[in-house]
Amino acid sequence: MRELFNGHSNALTLCLRQLDSLLARYRPVLHAHLQEQGVDSSMYSTQWFLTMFVYRFNIELVPAIWDNFVRHGVVGLFQVGLALMLHLEDTLLRMSFEEMIPFFNRLQLYDDLPLSVFENAHITMPLTHEELDLVGTYFGDPAAAEHDAA
């Protein structure tokens, strides 16, 4: 995770690819819709990873998000992102590209989210470190490959 903050843009690219791959696995209909609309994960989740979900989220939600990160490590951030997408899935499936981008950029969206989305992210999306490492290895992450070898 520290690679995100010390100038390694490849780490951010890897996170975005991992999120995209995990979304395809856990929410294939939503993933296909986003693909059809030309919406790439970098268009909505870059700031999630760069700010660890602080930038657009109601400050009352942040402790639950960070608690998930502290308890589950980097996997916790992916669980939060996936749980958020699950929560928004029905709405997003009815939207076109032209509607989605402003939707993700609306500050109000992040203020109205229920706390339970984040408190239960580890239950809603039971992602493991091994699964995240496997996805990272697929995209050529040497850290994931080293972790697998250990």
N, C-alpha and C. Protein backbone atom coordinates (compact mmCIF):
# COMPACT_ATOMS: atom_id res chain seq x y z
N MET A 1 0.82 -1.19 0.00
CA MET A 1 0.00 0.00 0.00
C MET A 1 0.86 1.26 0.00
N ARG A 2 2.02 1.19 0.65
CA ARG A 2 2.86 2.39 0.73
C ARG A 2 3.34 2.83 -0.64
N GLU A 3 3.37 1.91 -1.62
CA GLU A 3 3.81 2.28 -2.97
C GLU A 3 2.89 3.34 -3.59
N LEU A 4 1.64 3.38 -3.14
CA LEU A 4 0.71 4.40 -3.65
C LEU A 4 1.17 5.81 -3.30
N PHE A 5 1.90 5.93 -2.19
CA PHE A 5 2.22 7.25 -1.66
C PHE A 5 3.67 7.65 -1.84
N ASN A 6 4.48 6.81 -2.46
CA ASN A 6 5.87 7.20 -2.65
C ASN A 6 6.24 7.31 -4.14
N GLY A 7 5.24 7.63 -4.95
CA GLY A 7 5.50 7.96 -6.34
C GLY A 7 5.47 6.79 -7.31
N HIS A 8 5.06 5.62 -6.89
CA HIS A 8 4.97 4.48 -7.80
C HIS A 8 3.57 4.40 -8.39
N SER A 9 3.39 5.01 -9.55
CA SER A 9 2.06 5.01 -10.16
C SER A 9 1.64 3.61 -10.58
N ASN A 10 2.60 2.69 -10.73
CA ASN A 10 2.24 1.32 -11.07
C ASN A 10 1.42 0.68 -9.96
N ALA A 11 1.63 1.08 -8.72
CA ALA A 11 0.87 0.52 -7.61
C ALA A 11 -0.60 0.92 -7.73
N LEU A 12 -0.87 2.15 -8.11
CA LEU A 12 -2.25 2.58 -8.30
C LEU A 12 -2.87 1.83 -9.47
N THR A 13 -2.15 1.70 -10.55
CA THR A 13 -2.64 0.95 -11.71
C THR A 13 -2.98 -0.48 -11.32
N LEU A 14 -2.13 -1.09 -10.51
CA LEU A 14 -2.38 -2.46 -10.04
C LEU A 14 -3.66 -2.50 -9.21
N CYS A 15 -3.83 -1.56 -8.28
CA CYS A 15 -5.05 -1.53 -7.45
C CYS A 15 -6.30 -1.41 -8.32
N LEU A 16 -6.24 -0.55 -9.32
CA LEU A 16 -7.40 -0.36 -10.20
C LEU A 16 -7.69 -1.63 -10.99
N ARG A 17 -6.65 -2.30 -11.47
CA ARG A 17 -6.84 -3.56 -12.21
C ARG A 17 -7.38 -4.65 -11.29
N GLN A 18 -6.88 -4.69 -10.06
CA GLN A 18 -7.37 -5.68 -9.11
C GLN A 18 -8.85 -5.44 -8.81
N LEU A 19 -9.21 -4.18 -8.57
CA LEU A 19 -10.60 -3.87 -8.29
C LEU A 19 -11.48 -4.27 -9.47
N ASP A 20 -11.04 -3.95 -10.66
CA ASP A 20 -11.80 -4.29 -11.86
C ASP A 20 -11.97 -5.81 -11.99
N SER A 21 -10.91 -6.55 -11.76
CA SER A 21 -10.96 -8.00 -11.85
C SER A 21 -11.88 -8.59 -10.77
N LEU A 22 -11.80 -8.06 -9.56
CA LEU A 22 -12.64 -8.54 -8.47
C LEU A 22 -14.11 -8.19 -8.71
N LEU A 23 -14.36 -7.03 -9.28
CA LEU A 23 -15.72 -6.65 -9.62
C LEU A 23 -16.28 -7.61 -10.67
N ALA A 24 -15.45 -8.00 -11.64
CA ALA A 24 -15.88 -8.96 -12.65
C ALA A 24 -16.22 -10.31 -12.02
N ARG A 25 -15.48 -10.68 -11.00
CA ARG A 25 -15.71 -11.97 -10.33
C ARG A 25 -16.95 -11.94 -9.44
N TYR A 26 -17.08 -10.88 -8.62
CA TYR A 26 -18.16 -10.82 -7.64
C TYR A 26 -19.46 -10.21 -8.16
N ARG A 27 -19.36 -9.29 -9.09
CA ARG A 27 -20.55 -8.61 -9.63
C ARG A 27 -20.45 -8.56 -11.16
N PRO A 28 -20.52 -9.73 -11.82
CA PRO A 28 -20.29 -9.79 -13.28
C PRO A 28 -21.26 -8.97 -14.11
N VAL A 29 -22.52 -8.88 -13.70
CA VAL A 29 -23.50 -8.10 -14.47
C VAL A 29 -23.14 -6.62 -14.40
N LEU A 30 -22.81 -6.14 -13.22
CA LEU A 30 -22.41 -4.74 -13.07
C LEU A 30 -21.13 -4.47 -13.84
N HIS A 31 -20.16 -5.35 -13.74
CA HIS A 31 -18.90 -5.19 -14.46
C HIS A 31 -19.15 -5.10 -15.96
N ALA A 32 -19.97 -5.99 -16.49
CA ALA A 32 -20.27 -5.98 -17.93
C ALA A 32 -20.96 -4.67 -18.33
N HIS A 33 -21.86 -4.19 -17.50
CA HIS A 33 -22.55 -2.93 -17.80
C HIS A 33 -21.56 -1.77 -17.82
N LEU A 34 -20.68 -1.72 -16.84
CA LEU A 34 -19.67 -0.65 -16.81
C LEU A 34 -18.80 -0.71 -18.06
N GLN A 35 -18.41 -1.92 -18.45
CA GLN A 35 -17.59 -2.10 -19.66
C GLN A 35 -18.35 -1.62 -20.90
N GLU A 36 -19.61 -2.02 -21.01
CA GLU A 36 -20.44 -1.60 -22.16
C GLU A 36 -20.58 -0.09 -22.24
N GLN A 37 -20.63 0.55 -21.09
CA GLN A 37 -20.78 2.00 -21.05
C GLN A 37 -19.44 2.73 -21.18
N GLY A 38 -18.34 1.99 -21.18
CA GLY A 38 -17.03 2.61 -21.30
C GLY A 38 -16.54 3.23 -20.01
N VAL A 39 -17.04 2.75 -18.87
CA VAL A 39 -16.64 3.28 -17.57
C VAL A 39 -15.55 2.38 -17.00
N ASP A 40 -14.39 2.94 -16.86
CA ASP A 40 -13.22 2.25 -16.34
C ASP A 40 -13.11 2.52 -14.84
N SER A 41 -12.55 1.58 -14.10
CA SER A 41 -12.45 1.75 -12.64
C SER A 41 -11.66 3.01 -12.25
N SER A 42 -10.75 3.43 -13.11
CA SER A 42 -9.98 4.65 -12.80
C SER A 42 -10.87 5.89 -12.77
N MET A 43 -12.03 5.82 -13.42
CA MET A 43 -12.92 6.97 -13.48
C MET A 43 -13.68 7.19 -12.18
N TYR A 44 -13.76 6.18 -11.35
CA TYR A 44 -14.51 6.36 -10.11
C TYR A 44 -13.74 5.97 -8.85
N SER A 45 -12.67 5.18 -8.96
CA SER A 45 -12.05 4.68 -7.73
C SER A 45 -10.63 5.16 -7.47
N THR A 46 -10.06 5.93 -8.36
CA THR A 46 -8.69 6.42 -8.14
C THR A 46 -8.58 7.14 -6.80
N GLN A 47 -9.49 8.06 -6.54
CA GLN A 47 -9.41 8.81 -5.28
C GLN A 47 -9.73 7.94 -4.07
N TRP A 48 -10.49 6.87 -4.27
CA TRP A 48 -10.76 5.97 -3.16
C TRP A 48 -9.43 5.44 -2.61
N PHE A 49 -8.57 4.98 -3.53
CA PHE A 49 -7.30 4.39 -3.10
C PHE A 49 -6.29 5.45 -2.67
N LEU A 50 -6.20 6.54 -3.39
CA LEU A 50 -5.21 7.57 -3.06
C LEU A 50 -5.49 8.25 -1.72
N THR A 51 -6.76 8.31 -1.33
CA THR A 51 -7.11 8.97 -0.07
C THR A 51 -7.65 7.99 0.97
N MET A 52 -7.59 6.72 0.68
CA MET A 52 -8.11 5.66 1.56
C MET A 52 -9.55 5.99 1.97
N PHE A 53 -10.33 6.40 0.97
CA PHE A 53 -11.77 6.65 1.10
C PHE A 53 -12.12 7.87 1.94
N VAL A 54 -11.21 8.79 2.13
CA VAL A 54 -11.51 9.97 2.94
C VAL A 54 -12.05 11.12 2.10
N TYR A 55 -11.60 11.27 0.87
CA TYR A 55 -11.86 12.48 0.09
C TYR A 55 -13.33 12.84 -0.05
N ARG A 56 -14.15 11.93 -0.48
CA ARG A 56 -15.55 12.26 -0.75
C ARG A 56 -16.53 11.71 0.28
N PHE A 57 -16.04 10.99 1.24
CA PHE A 57 -16.94 10.31 2.15
C PHE A 57 -17.23 11.15 3.39
N ASN A 58 -18.46 11.03 3.86
CA ASN A 58 -18.88 11.68 5.09
C ASN A 58 -17.92 11.26 6.20
N ILE A 59 -17.44 12.22 6.96
CA ILE A 59 -16.45 11.94 8.00
C ILE A 59 -16.96 10.93 9.02
N GLU A 60 -18.25 10.81 9.18
CA GLU A 60 -18.82 9.83 10.11
C GLU A 60 -18.66 8.40 9.60
N LEU A 61 -18.44 8.22 8.30
CA LEU A 61 -18.26 6.90 7.72
C LEU A 61 -16.80 6.44 7.78
N VAL A 62 -15.89 7.38 7.81
CA VAL A 62 -14.46 7.07 7.71
C VAL A 62 -13.96 6.12 8.80
N PRO A 63 -14.35 6.29 10.07
CA PRO A 63 -13.86 5.33 11.07
C PRO A 63 -14.23 3.88 10.76
N ALA A 64 -15.43 3.65 10.24
CA ALA A 64 -15.82 2.28 9.88
C ALA A 64 -14.98 1.75 8.72
N ILE A 65 -14.68 2.62 7.77
CA ILE A 65 -13.85 2.23 6.62
C ILE A 65 -12.43 1.90 7.09
N TRP A 66 -11.88 2.77 7.90
CA TRP A 66 -10.51 2.55 8.38
C TRP A 66 -10.42 1.40 9.35
N ASP A 67 -11.48 1.16 10.12
CA ASP A 67 -11.51 0.01 11.01
C ASP A 67 -11.39 -1.28 10.19
N ASN A 68 -12.08 -1.31 9.07
CA ASN A 68 -12.00 -2.47 8.18
C ASN A 68 -10.57 -2.62 7.64
N PHE A 69 -9.94 -1.50 7.32
CA PHE A 69 -8.55 -1.53 6.84
C PHE A 69 -7.60 -2.02 7.93
N VAL A 70 -7.77 -1.52 9.15
CA VAL A 70 -6.89 -1.92 10.25
C VAL A 70 -7.06 -3.41 10.55
N ARG A 71 -8.30 -3.89 10.54
CA ARG A 71 -8.56 -5.31 10.85
C ARG A 71 -8.15 -6.26 9.73
N HIS A 72 -8.29 -5.82 8.48
CA HIS A 72 -8.10 -6.74 7.35
C HIS A 72 -6.98 -6.34 6.40
N GLY A 73 -6.28 -5.25 6.69
CA GLY A 73 -5.20 -4.80 5.82
C GLY A 73 -5.73 -4.27 4.51
N VAL A 74 -4.91 -4.31 3.49
CA VAL A 74 -5.29 -3.76 2.19
C VAL A 74 -6.53 -4.44 1.64
N VAL A 75 -6.74 -5.70 2.00
CA VAL A 75 -7.95 -6.41 1.57
C VAL A 75 -9.19 -5.65 2.04
N GLY A 76 -9.10 -5.02 3.22
CA GLY A 76 -10.22 -4.25 3.74
C GLY A 76 -10.63 -3.11 2.83
N LEU A 77 -9.68 -2.48 2.17
CA LEU A 77 -10.01 -1.39 1.25
C LEU A 77 -10.74 -1.93 0.02
N PHE A 78 -10.31 -3.07 -0.47
CA PHE A 78 -10.99 -3.68 -1.61
C PHE A 78 -12.39 -4.15 -1.20
N GLN A 79 -12.53 -4.68 0.01
CA GLN A 79 -13.85 -5.08 0.50
C GLN A 79 -14.79 -3.89 0.55
N VAL A 80 -14.28 -2.76 1.02
CA VAL A 80 -15.10 -1.54 1.08
C VAL A 80 -15.50 -1.10 -0.32
N GLY A 81 -14.56 -1.07 -1.24
CA GLY A 81 -14.87 -0.67 -2.62
C GLY A 81 -15.90 -1.59 -3.26
N LEU A 82 -15.73 -2.89 -3.07
CA LEU A 82 -16.67 -3.85 -3.64
C LEU A 82 -18.04 -3.76 -2.97
N ALA A 83 -18.06 -3.58 -1.65
CA ALA A 83 -19.33 -3.45 -0.94
C ALA A 83 -20.06 -2.18 -1.39
N LEU A 84 -19.32 -1.12 -1.62
CA LEU A 84 -19.92 0.12 -2.11
C LEU A 84 -20.54 -0.10 -3.49
N MET A 85 -19.81 -0.78 -4.37
CA MET A 85 -20.34 -1.04 -5.71
C MET A 85 -21.57 -1.95 -5.64
N LEU A 86 -21.57 -2.91 -4.74
CA LEU A 86 -22.75 -3.76 -4.54
C LEU A 86 -23.94 -2.91 -4.10
N HIS A 87 -23.69 -2.00 -3.17
CA HIS A 87 -24.76 -1.12 -2.68
C HIS A 87 -25.33 -0.25 -3.80
N LEU A 88 -24.49 0.18 -4.72
CA LEU A 88 -24.90 1.07 -5.80
C LEU A 88 -25.34 0.34 -7.06
N GLU A 89 -25.21 -0.98 -7.07
CA GLU A 89 -25.40 -1.76 -8.29
C GLU A 89 -26.73 -1.49 -9.00
N ASP A 90 -27.84 -1.57 -8.31
CA ASP A 90 -29.14 -1.39 -8.96
C ASP A 90 -29.24 -0.02 -9.63
N THR A 91 -28.75 0.98 -8.96
CA THR A 91 -28.77 2.34 -9.52
C THR A 91 -27.88 2.43 -10.74
N LEU A 92 -26.66 1.90 -10.64
CA LEU A 92 -25.71 1.99 -11.75
C LEU A 92 -26.18 1.22 -12.98
N LEU A 93 -26.86 0.11 -12.77
CA LEU A 93 -27.33 -0.70 -13.91
C LEU A 93 -28.37 0.04 -14.74
N ARG A 94 -28.99 1.04 -14.19
CA ARG A 94 -29.99 1.84 -14.93
C ARG A 94 -29.37 3.07 -15.59
N MET A 95 -28.06 3.26 -15.45
CA MET A 95 -27.43 4.50 -15.91
C MET A 95 -26.57 4.28 -17.16
N SER A 96 -26.45 5.35 -17.92
CA SER A 96 -25.54 5.40 -19.05
C SER A 96 -24.23 6.05 -18.59
N PHE A 97 -23.25 6.03 -19.46
CA PHE A 97 -21.97 6.68 -19.18
C PHE A 97 -22.18 8.13 -18.75
N GLU A 98 -23.01 8.83 -19.52
CA GLU A 98 -23.23 10.25 -19.27
C GLU A 98 -23.84 10.52 -17.90
N GLU A 99 -24.54 9.54 -17.35
CA GLU A 99 -25.14 9.69 -16.03
C GLU A 99 -24.19 9.23 -14.92
N MET A 100 -23.39 8.20 -15.20
CA MET A 100 -22.54 7.60 -14.17
C MET A 100 -21.44 8.52 -13.68
N ILE A 101 -20.76 9.17 -14.59
CA ILE A 101 -19.61 9.98 -14.18
C ILE A 101 -20.03 11.11 -13.24
N PRO A 102 -21.06 11.91 -13.58
CA PRO A 102 -21.50 12.91 -12.61
C PRO A 102 -22.03 12.28 -11.31
N PHE A 103 -22.64 11.11 -11.42
CA PHE A 103 -23.15 10.41 -10.23
C PHE A 103 -22.02 10.11 -9.26
N PHE A 104 -20.92 9.56 -9.76
CA PHE A 104 -19.78 9.25 -8.90
C PHE A 104 -19.13 10.51 -8.32
N ASN A 105 -19.24 11.61 -9.03
CA ASN A 105 -18.60 12.86 -8.58
C ASN A 105 -19.50 13.69 -7.67
N ARG A 106 -20.74 13.28 -7.48
CA ARG A 106 -21.66 14.00 -6.60
C ARG A 106 -21.27 13.79 -5.15
N LEU A 107 -21.01 14.87 -4.47
CA LEU A 107 -20.66 14.80 -3.06
C LEU A 107 -21.80 14.21 -2.24
N GLN A 108 -23.03 14.53 -2.59
CA GLN A 108 -24.21 14.05 -1.87
C GLN A 108 -24.25 12.51 -1.85
N LEU A 109 -23.83 11.87 -2.91
CA LEU A 109 -23.83 10.40 -2.98
C LEU A 109 -23.13 9.80 -1.77
N TYR A 110 -21.99 10.33 -1.45
CA TYR A 110 -21.17 9.76 -0.39
C TYR A 110 -21.66 10.16 1.00
N ASP A 111 -22.46 11.22 1.09
CA ASP A 111 -23.01 11.64 2.37
C ASP A 111 -24.20 10.78 2.78
N ASP A 112 -24.89 10.22 1.80
CA ASP A 112 -26.13 9.48 2.07
C ASP A 112 -25.93 7.98 2.23
N LEU A 113 -24.71 7.52 2.21
CA LEU A 113 -24.47 6.08 2.31
C LEU A 113 -24.71 5.59 3.73
N PRO A 114 -25.37 4.44 3.87
CA PRO A 114 -25.58 3.90 5.22
C PRO A 114 -24.28 3.35 5.81
N LEU A 115 -24.09 3.56 7.08
CA LEU A 115 -22.90 3.09 7.78
C LEU A 115 -22.73 1.57 7.64
N SER A 116 -23.83 0.85 7.57
CA SER A 116 -23.78 -0.62 7.50
C SER A 116 -23.02 -1.11 6.26
N VAL A 117 -23.01 -0.34 5.18
CA VAL A 117 -22.26 -0.74 3.97
C VAL A 117 -20.80 -0.96 4.33
N PHE A 118 -20.26 -0.11 5.18
CA PHE A 118 -18.84 -0.17 5.52
C PHE A 118 -18.56 -1.05 6.73
N GLU A 119 -19.47 -1.03 7.69
CA GLU A 119 -19.28 -1.87 8.87
C GLU A 119 -19.33 -3.36 8.51
N ASN A 120 -20.09 -3.70 7.49
CA ASN A 120 -20.26 -5.10 7.11
C ASN A 120 -19.52 -5.47 5.83
N ALA A 121 -18.62 -4.63 5.38
CA ALA A 121 -17.92 -4.88 4.11
C ALA A 121 -17.18 -6.21 4.12
N HIS A 122 -16.59 -6.57 5.25
CA HIS A 122 -15.83 -7.82 5.33
C HIS A 122 -16.76 -9.04 5.27
N ILE A 123 -18.03 -8.86 5.59
CA ILE A 123 -19.01 -9.95 5.50
C ILE A 123 -19.63 -9.98 4.11
N THR A 124 -19.98 -8.80 3.61
CA THR A 124 -20.60 -8.69 2.29
C THR A 124 -19.66 -9.18 1.20
N MET A 125 -18.38 -8.84 1.33
CA MET A 125 -17.37 -9.22 0.34
C MET A 125 -16.24 -9.96 1.06
N PRO A 126 -16.39 -11.26 1.28
CA PRO A 126 -15.39 -12.02 2.06
C PRO A 126 -14.13 -12.34 1.26
N LEU A 127 -13.47 -11.31 0.84
CA LEU A 127 -12.24 -11.40 0.06
C LEU A 127 -11.08 -11.80 0.98
N THR A 128 -10.17 -12.61 0.46
CA THR A 128 -9.00 -13.02 1.25
C THR A 128 -7.73 -12.41 0.69
N HIS A 129 -6.68 -12.40 1.51
CA HIS A 129 -5.38 -11.92 1.05
C HIS A 129 -4.87 -12.79 -0.10
N GLU A 130 -5.12 -14.08 -0.01
CA GLU A 130 -4.66 -14.99 -1.06
C GLU A 130 -5.33 -14.67 -2.40
N GLU A 131 -6.62 -14.38 -2.35
CA GLU A 131 -7.34 -14.04 -3.58
C GLU A 131 -6.82 -12.73 -4.16
N LEU A 132 -6.58 -11.74 -3.31
CA LEU A 132 -6.05 -10.47 -3.78
C LEU A 132 -4.65 -10.66 -4.35
N ASP A 133 -3.82 -11.47 -3.68
CA ASP A 133 -2.48 -11.76 -4.19
C ASP A 133 -2.53 -12.47 -5.53
N LEU A 134 -3.48 -13.40 -5.67
CA LEU A 134 -3.62 -14.12 -6.94
C LEU A 134 -3.94 -13.16 -8.08
N VAL A 135 -4.85 -12.24 -7.82
CA VAL A 135 -5.20 -11.24 -8.83
C VAL A 135 -3.99 -10.35 -9.11
N GLY A 136 -3.24 -9.98 -8.06
CA GLY A 136 -2.03 -9.16 -8.24
C GLY A 136 -0.97 -9.88 -9.05
N THR A 137 -0.79 -11.17 -8.80
CA THR A 137 0.18 -11.96 -9.55
C THR A 137 -0.21 -12.01 -11.02
N TYR A 138 -1.50 -12.14 -11.29
CA TYR A 138 -2.00 -12.18 -12.67
C TYR A 138 -1.60 -10.91 -13.42
N PHE A 139 -1.60 -9.78 -12.72
CA PHE A 139 -1.24 -8.52 -13.35
C PHE A 139 0.23 -8.17 -13.21
N GLY A 140 1.02 -9.12 -12.75
CA GLY A 140 2.47 -8.93 -12.72
C GLY A 140 2.98 -8.16 -11.52
N ASP A 141 2.30 -8.27 -10.39
CA ASP A 141 2.77 -7.59 -9.17
C ASP A 141 3.85 -8.45 -8.50
N PRO A 142 5.10 -7.98 -8.50
CA PRO A 142 6.16 -8.77 -7.88
C PRO A 142 5.97 -8.98 -6.39
N ALA A 143 5.36 -8.03 -5.69
CA ALA A 143 5.13 -8.18 -4.25
C ALA A 143 4.17 -9.34 -3.99
N ALA A 144 3.14 -9.46 -4.83
CA ALA A 144 2.19 -10.56 -4.67
C ALA A 144 2.88 -11.88 -4.96
N ALA A 145 3.73 -11.90 -5.96
CA ALA A 145 4.46 -13.13 -6.29
C ALA A 145 5.38 -13.53 -5.14
N GLU A 146 6.05 -12.55 -4.51
CA GLU A 146 6.92 -12.84 -3.36
C GLU A 146 6.10 -13.36 -2.19
N HIS A 147 4.93 -12.77 -1.96
CA HIS A 147 4.07 -13.20 -0.87
C HIS A 147 3.60 -14.64 -1.11
N ASP A 148 3.30 -14.98 -2.35
CA ASP A 148 2.89 -16.34 -2.69
C ASP A 148 4.00 -17.33 -2.46
N ALA A 149 5.24 -16.92 -2.71
CA ALA A 149 6.39 -17.81 -2.56
C ALA A 149 6.72 -18.10 -1.10
N ALA A 150 6.34 -17.16 -0.21
CA ALA A 150 6.66 -17.30 1.22
C ALA A 150 5.82 -18.36 1.90
